[in-house]
Amino acid sequence: MRALPVDFDAHLQAGVTTLSRCWQLKLRNGAVVAFTDHDDDIGFDGIVHQAAAGFEASADVTHASFAVGGLDLEGAFSSESLVDAALQAGDYDGAVIELWWVNWQDVAQRVLVRRGVLGEVTKADEAFGAEVRGPMEVLETIKGLVYTAACDADVGDARCGVDLDDPQYLGLGSVGEALGPRRLRADGLDGFGAGWFEGGLLVFTSGLNATRRFVVKRHATETLGVFLDIAGEPPELIAAGDTFEVRAGCDKRFATCGEKFDNILNFRGFPHIPGNDAALNYVRADDDNDGGRLR
């Protein structure tokens, strides 16, 4: 059982409390965003926790076992720090979040009750929802080699070894026409075959979405030009003339590794692993002799 600070425990035992919850989100870029469900801002440790109307959390679930546990956060885009565009762009993905109980009349009386990682963020109208995953989340992270037919490396990483800045894998293009929030007609990619960039990463290098990164879902060459569909909706509208870099994608198959990247020696999968059909095979008596064979 956790031992509470003496002054905080005394406040709880008083019968009437003045407690509020405070959340601190520590982003991967080093920025800190903080909120409270109190009706006024609360500051401690040099951090101001903004009063966020409509910001609330579900019950906090903790397991005695190795289950992940956690809680859900919901709220409106009522804070200047918590903006729709930043959430959609993934700026908050993987942020470390801390939940504090604080006596708003004496902020020295406080206790950290939960630390976790911000998981999936969803959006509906002008509100957001976010999953907070408990510390056991790290136990679900795969370590070491995975025994699968597909490669478990990411194309271009140190284990893969492919240089994605090589001109045969790197496309420098611009938006010829925006056909919606996730689809564009691309100029400058005529030298690449259809599907070459599917699964690859597109990074805008100019325009309102500069530096934003998106996975290419579809790369098609049609009569009217080259078309790219991206996963996720950019925070700003794509505009004609926006420039981008796009790198070849990989479906992690053995054949793709050899034919597309000539990188068989660095393939990190087991292409000859038996499939489910082999696991379900069994021995039957041979009709022609007394021996047995695998059917």
Protein backbone atom coordinates (compact mmCIF):
# COMPACT_ATOMS: atom_id res chain seq x y z
CA MET A 1 0.00 0.00 0.00
CA ARG A 2 1.26 3.47 -0.88
CA ALA A 3 2.27 5.71 2.02
CA LEU A 4 0.78 9.17 1.55
CA PRO A 5 2.60 12.34 2.60
CA VAL A 6 1.65 13.21 6.18
CA ASP A 7 0.08 16.59 5.36
CA PHE A 8 -1.87 15.17 2.41
CA ASP A 9 -3.13 12.27 4.51
CA ALA A 10 -4.21 14.70 7.25
CA HIS A 11 -6.18 16.66 4.67
CA LEU A 12 -7.99 13.49 3.60
CA GLN A 13 -8.79 12.60 7.19
CA ALA A 14 -10.29 16.04 7.82
CA GLY A 15 -13.56 14.96 6.22
CA VAL A 16 -13.94 17.98 3.92
CA THR A 17 -11.38 18.15 1.13
CA THR A 18 -10.43 20.67 -1.55
CA LEU A 19 -8.88 18.30 -4.06
CA SER A 20 -8.60 18.52 -7.83
CA ARG A 21 -6.98 16.33 -10.43
CA CYS A 22 -4.11 17.66 -12.52
CA TRP A 23 -2.69 16.08 -15.67
CA GLN A 24 0.74 16.71 -17.16
CA LEU A 25 1.50 15.60 -20.72
CA LYS A 26 5.21 15.44 -21.50
CA LEU A 27 5.59 15.32 -25.27
CA ARG A 28 8.43 13.60 -27.07
CA ASN A 29 9.72 16.98 -28.30
CA GLY A 30 10.22 18.07 -24.67
CA ALA A 31 7.17 20.32 -24.40
CA VAL A 32 4.86 20.01 -21.38
CA VAL A 33 1.10 20.57 -21.57
CA ALA A 34 -0.89 20.58 -18.31
CA PHE A 35 -4.58 20.65 -17.35
CA THR A 36 -6.82 20.46 -14.31
CA ASP A 37 -10.49 19.73 -13.71
CA HIS A 38 -10.58 22.60 -11.18
CA ASP A 39 -12.39 25.81 -12.18
CA ASP A 40 -9.18 27.85 -11.94
CA ASP A 41 -5.58 27.33 -13.02
CA ILE A 42 -3.30 25.45 -10.61
CA GLY A 43 0.47 25.86 -10.63
CA PHE A 44 3.26 23.82 -9.04
CA ASP A 45 6.80 22.75 -9.98
CA GLY A 46 6.89 25.69 -12.38
CA ILE A 47 4.03 24.25 -14.46
CA VAL A 48 0.65 25.96 -14.84
CA HIS A 49 -2.23 23.48 -15.14
CA GLN A 50 -4.93 25.14 -17.18
CA ALA A 51 -8.56 24.88 -16.15
CA ALA A 52 -10.11 22.87 -19.00
CA ALA A 53 -13.90 23.03 -19.15
CA GLY A 54 -15.34 19.67 -20.12
CA PHE A 55 -12.07 17.83 -19.47
CA GLU A 56 -12.71 14.62 -17.55
CA ALA A 57 -11.35 11.14 -16.97
CA SER A 58 -12.87 7.71 -16.53
CA ALA A 59 -12.25 5.53 -13.51
CA ASP A 60 -8.60 4.60 -13.10
CA VAL A 61 -8.10 0.85 -13.52
CA THR A 62 -5.11 -0.85 -11.87
CA HIS A 63 -4.51 -4.60 -11.88
CA ALA A 64 -2.56 -6.71 -9.42
CA SER A 65 -1.51 -8.88 -12.37
CA PHE A 66 0.56 -7.85 -15.40
CA ALA A 67 -2.47 -6.46 -17.26
CA VAL A 68 -1.94 -3.00 -18.76
CA GLY A 69 -4.76 -1.12 -16.96
CA GLY A 70 -5.19 2.60 -17.39
CA LEU A 71 -7.96 5.13 -17.95
CA ASP A 72 -9.61 7.23 -20.65
CA LEU A 73 -9.56 11.01 -21.00
CA GLU A 74 -12.22 13.05 -22.75
CA GLY A 75 -12.61 16.74 -23.35
CA ALA A 76 -13.27 19.59 -25.72
CA PHE A 77 -10.70 21.60 -27.63
CA SER A 78 -11.06 24.38 -25.08
CA SER A 79 -7.37 25.00 -24.41
CA GLU A 80 -4.99 26.92 -26.63
CA SER A 81 -2.40 24.23 -25.85
CA LEU A 82 -4.58 21.32 -26.90
CA VAL A 83 -5.46 22.01 -30.50
CA ASP A 84 -7.15 19.83 -33.08
CA ALA A 85 -4.32 20.09 -35.61
CA ALA A 86 -1.63 18.96 -33.16
CA LEU A 87 -3.64 15.91 -32.10
CA GLN A 88 -4.36 14.90 -35.68
CA ALA A 89 -0.73 15.33 -36.66
CA GLY A 90 0.37 12.90 -33.94
CA ASP A 91 2.25 15.42 -31.80
CA TYR A 92 0.75 13.82 -28.67
CA ASP A 93 1.34 10.19 -29.65
CA GLY A 94 3.46 8.40 -27.06
CA ALA A 95 3.42 11.35 -24.64
CA VAL A 96 4.12 10.50 -21.00
CA ILE A 97 1.19 11.51 -18.83
CA GLU A 98 1.08 12.01 -15.06
CA LEU A 99 -2.05 12.29 -12.93
CA TRP A 100 -1.82 14.21 -9.65
CA TRP A 101 -4.27 14.76 -6.81
CA VAL A 102 -3.71 18.30 -5.56
CA ASN A 103 -5.14 20.37 -2.74
CA TRP A 104 -5.93 23.54 -4.66
CA GLN A 105 -5.88 25.60 -1.45
CA ASP A 106 -2.34 24.42 -0.65
CA VAL A 107 -0.60 22.92 -3.72
CA ALA A 108 2.25 21.64 -1.53
CA GLN A 109 -0.23 18.95 -0.51
CA ARG A 110 -0.27 16.73 -3.58
CA VAL A 111 0.46 13.17 -4.60
CA LEU A 112 1.28 11.50 -7.91
CA VAL A 113 -1.25 8.70 -8.39
CA ARG A 114 -0.65 7.55 -11.98
CA ARG A 115 2.01 7.66 -14.66
CA GLY A 116 1.38 6.20 -18.10
CA VAL A 117 1.69 6.68 -21.84
CA LEU A 118 -0.87 8.35 -24.08
CA GLY A 119 -2.22 5.78 -26.51
CA GLU A 120 -4.80 6.09 -29.25
CA VAL A 121 -6.36 9.54 -29.67
CA THR A 122 -9.76 9.83 -31.33
CA LYS A 123 -11.70 12.89 -32.48
CA ALA A 124 -15.41 13.55 -32.87
CA ASP A 125 -16.72 16.99 -33.80
CA GLU A 126 -15.03 19.46 -31.43
CA ALA A 127 -14.11 16.89 -28.77
CA PHE A 128 -11.33 14.38 -28.31
CA GLY A 129 -10.82 11.11 -26.49
CA ALA A 130 -7.50 9.59 -25.43
CA GLU A 131 -6.46 6.28 -23.93
CA VAL A 132 -3.90 6.31 -21.12
CA ARG A 133 -1.98 3.05 -20.91
CA GLY A 134 -0.44 1.88 -17.67
CA PRO A 135 3.25 1.10 -17.02
CA MET A 136 2.73 -2.58 -17.90
CA GLU A 137 2.43 -1.40 -21.51
CA VAL A 138 6.19 -1.85 -21.88
CA LEU A 139 5.80 -5.59 -21.23
CA GLU A 140 3.83 -5.87 -24.48
CA THR A 141 6.70 -4.44 -26.52
CA ILE A 142 8.32 -7.11 -28.66
CA LYS A 143 12.02 -7.56 -27.94
CA GLY A 144 14.51 -9.50 -30.05
CA LEU A 145 13.75 -11.50 -33.19
CA VAL A 146 10.22 -12.52 -34.09
CA TYR A 147 9.81 -15.94 -35.72
CA THR A 148 7.59 -15.01 -38.68
CA ALA A 149 7.70 -15.44 -42.42
CA ALA A 150 7.69 -11.66 -42.91
CA CYS A 151 10.67 -9.42 -42.14
CA ASP A 152 10.49 -7.75 -38.72
CA ALA A 153 12.79 -4.85 -39.64
CA ASP A 154 11.55 -1.50 -40.94
CA VAL A 155 12.72 -0.61 -44.41
CA GLY A 156 15.66 1.79 -44.20
CA ASP A 157 16.53 1.13 -40.55
CA ALA A 158 19.93 -0.13 -39.35
CA ARG A 159 18.90 -3.79 -39.47
CA CYS A 160 17.50 -3.45 -42.98
CA GLY A 161 20.41 -1.47 -44.38
CA VAL A 162 18.61 -0.08 -47.46
CA ASP A 163 19.52 3.55 -48.22
CA LEU A 164 16.17 5.24 -48.81
CA ASP A 165 17.96 8.43 -49.91
CA ASP A 166 19.16 6.56 -53.00
CA PRO A 167 17.45 8.20 -56.04
CA GLN A 168 15.89 4.88 -57.03
CA TYR A 169 13.97 4.84 -53.73
CA LEU A 170 13.45 8.57 -53.19
CA GLY A 171 10.90 10.65 -55.07
CA LEU A 172 10.92 14.45 -55.03
CA GLY A 173 7.54 15.69 -56.12
CA SER A 174 4.94 18.40 -55.82
CA VAL A 175 1.19 18.51 -55.59
CA GLY A 176 -0.30 19.02 -59.04
CA GLU A 177 -3.83 18.98 -57.70
CA ALA A 178 -5.38 18.31 -54.30
CA LEU A 179 -8.30 15.92 -54.66
CA GLY A 180 -9.42 15.92 -51.05
CA PRO A 181 -7.78 15.84 -47.62
CA ARG A 182 -6.05 12.50 -48.28
CA ARG A 183 -5.64 12.25 -52.04
CA LEU A 184 -3.48 14.17 -54.49
CA ARG A 185 -2.25 14.13 -58.04
CA ALA A 186 1.54 14.19 -57.92
CA ASP A 187 4.00 15.82 -60.32
CA GLY A 188 7.59 14.60 -60.58
CA LEU A 189 7.03 10.87 -59.97
CA ASP A 190 6.60 9.69 -63.56
CA GLY A 191 9.81 7.66 -63.39
CA PHE A 192 8.45 5.29 -60.76
CA GLY A 193 6.16 2.34 -61.34
CA ALA A 194 2.70 2.06 -59.81
CA GLY A 195 2.78 0.85 -56.22
CA TRP A 196 6.45 1.73 -55.73
CA PHE A 197 5.73 4.08 -52.83
CA GLU A 198 2.86 2.13 -51.21
CA GLY A 199 3.64 1.66 -47.52
CA GLY A 200 6.36 4.29 -47.75
CA LEU A 201 6.64 7.62 -45.97
CA LEU A 202 5.67 10.98 -47.49
CA VAL A 203 7.02 14.15 -45.87
CA PHE A 204 5.83 17.58 -46.95
CA THR A 205 8.73 19.97 -47.45
CA SER A 206 6.72 23.15 -48.07
CA GLY A 207 3.24 24.50 -47.58
CA LEU A 208 1.07 24.56 -44.48
CA ASN A 209 1.84 20.90 -43.73
CA ALA A 210 5.64 21.24 -43.98
CA THR A 211 7.49 18.57 -41.91
CA ARG A 212 4.31 16.51 -41.47
CA ARG A 213 4.76 12.80 -42.22
CA PHE A 214 2.18 10.41 -43.68
CA VAL A 215 2.17 6.79 -44.81
CA VAL A 216 1.26 6.25 -48.46
CA LYS A 217 -1.72 3.90 -48.71
CA ARG A 218 -1.98 3.83 -52.50
CA HIS A 219 0.27 4.80 -55.39
CA ALA A 220 -1.45 4.58 -58.77
CA THR A 221 -0.40 5.52 -62.30
CA GLU A 222 -3.43 6.38 -64.41
CA THR A 223 -4.17 8.09 -67.70
CA LEU A 224 -4.54 11.47 -66.01
CA GLY A 225 -1.33 11.18 -64.01
CA VAL A 226 0.19 9.78 -60.82
CA PHE A 227 -2.04 9.66 -57.74
CA LEU A 228 -1.16 9.18 -54.07
CA ASP A 229 -3.54 8.38 -51.20
CA ILE A 230 -2.19 8.98 -47.71
CA ALA A 231 -3.19 7.54 -44.33
CA GLY A 232 -4.47 10.15 -41.93
CA GLU A 233 -5.79 13.61 -42.57
CA PRO A 234 -3.28 16.50 -42.57
CA PRO A 235 -4.05 19.28 -40.08
CA GLU A 236 -4.05 21.80 -42.92
CA LEU A 237 -5.44 21.57 -46.45
CA ILE A 238 -3.09 20.23 -49.10
CA ALA A 239 -2.57 22.83 -51.84
CA ALA A 240 -1.29 22.71 -55.41
CA GLY A 241 2.42 23.48 -55.45
CA ASP A 242 3.19 21.95 -52.05
CA THR A 243 6.42 19.98 -52.35
CA PHE A 244 7.21 16.66 -50.71
CA GLU A 245 9.64 13.79 -50.41
CA VAL A 246 8.34 10.24 -50.66
CA ARG A 247 10.29 7.05 -50.07
CA ALA A 248 9.71 3.53 -51.29
CA GLY A 249 7.62 1.25 -49.14
CA CYS A 250 8.09 -2.41 -48.33
CA ASP A 251 5.51 -5.11 -47.63
CA LYS A 252 8.16 -7.14 -45.74
CA ARG A 253 7.93 -10.17 -48.05
CA PHE A 254 11.01 -12.17 -49.04
CA ALA A 255 10.29 -11.70 -52.75
CA THR A 256 9.97 -7.92 -52.35
CA CYS A 257 13.25 -7.76 -50.45
CA GLY A 258 15.07 -9.40 -53.34
CA GLU A 259 13.27 -8.01 -56.37
CA LYS A 260 12.70 -4.43 -55.22
CA PHE A 261 15.65 -3.77 -52.92
CA ASP A 262 18.22 -6.47 -53.80
CA ASN A 263 18.66 -6.95 -50.06
CA ILE A 264 18.19 -10.66 -49.44
CA LEU A 265 21.24 -10.91 -47.16
CA ASN A 266 19.60 -8.51 -44.69
CA PHE A 267 16.14 -10.09 -44.76
CA ARG A 268 15.04 -10.39 -41.11
CA GLY A 269 12.28 -12.96 -41.50
CA PHE A 270 11.99 -16.72 -41.97
CA PRO A 271 10.45 -17.17 -45.43
CA HIS A 272 10.42 -20.97 -45.26
CA ILE A 273 8.60 -21.25 -41.94
CA PRO A 274 5.83 -23.90 -42.21
CA GLY A 275 2.35 -22.46 -42.48
CA ASN A 276 -0.87 -23.44 -40.74
CA ASP A 277 -1.52 -26.16 -43.31
CA ALA A 278 1.65 -27.97 -42.22
CA ALA A 279 0.63 -27.76 -38.57
CA LEU A 280 -2.68 -29.47 -39.38
CA ASN A 281 -1.16 -32.32 -41.40
CA TYR A 282 -1.23 -35.81 -39.94
CA VAL A 283 -0.01 -39.27 -40.85
CA ARG A 284 -2.33 -41.61 -42.76
CA ALA A 285 -1.81 -45.21 -43.74
CA ASP A 286 -0.59 -45.60 -47.33
CA ASP A 287 -3.11 -47.38 -49.52
CA ASP A 288 -0.35 -49.27 -51.38
CA ASN A 289 1.72 -50.56 -48.47
CA ASP A 290 1.82 -50.82 -44.72
CA GLY A 291 3.88 -47.65 -44.29
CA GLY A 292 2.60 -44.24 -43.45
CA ARG A 293 2.93 -40.89 -45.11
CA LEU A 294 2.11 -37.30 -44.25
CA ARG A 295 -1.05 -36.08 -45.93
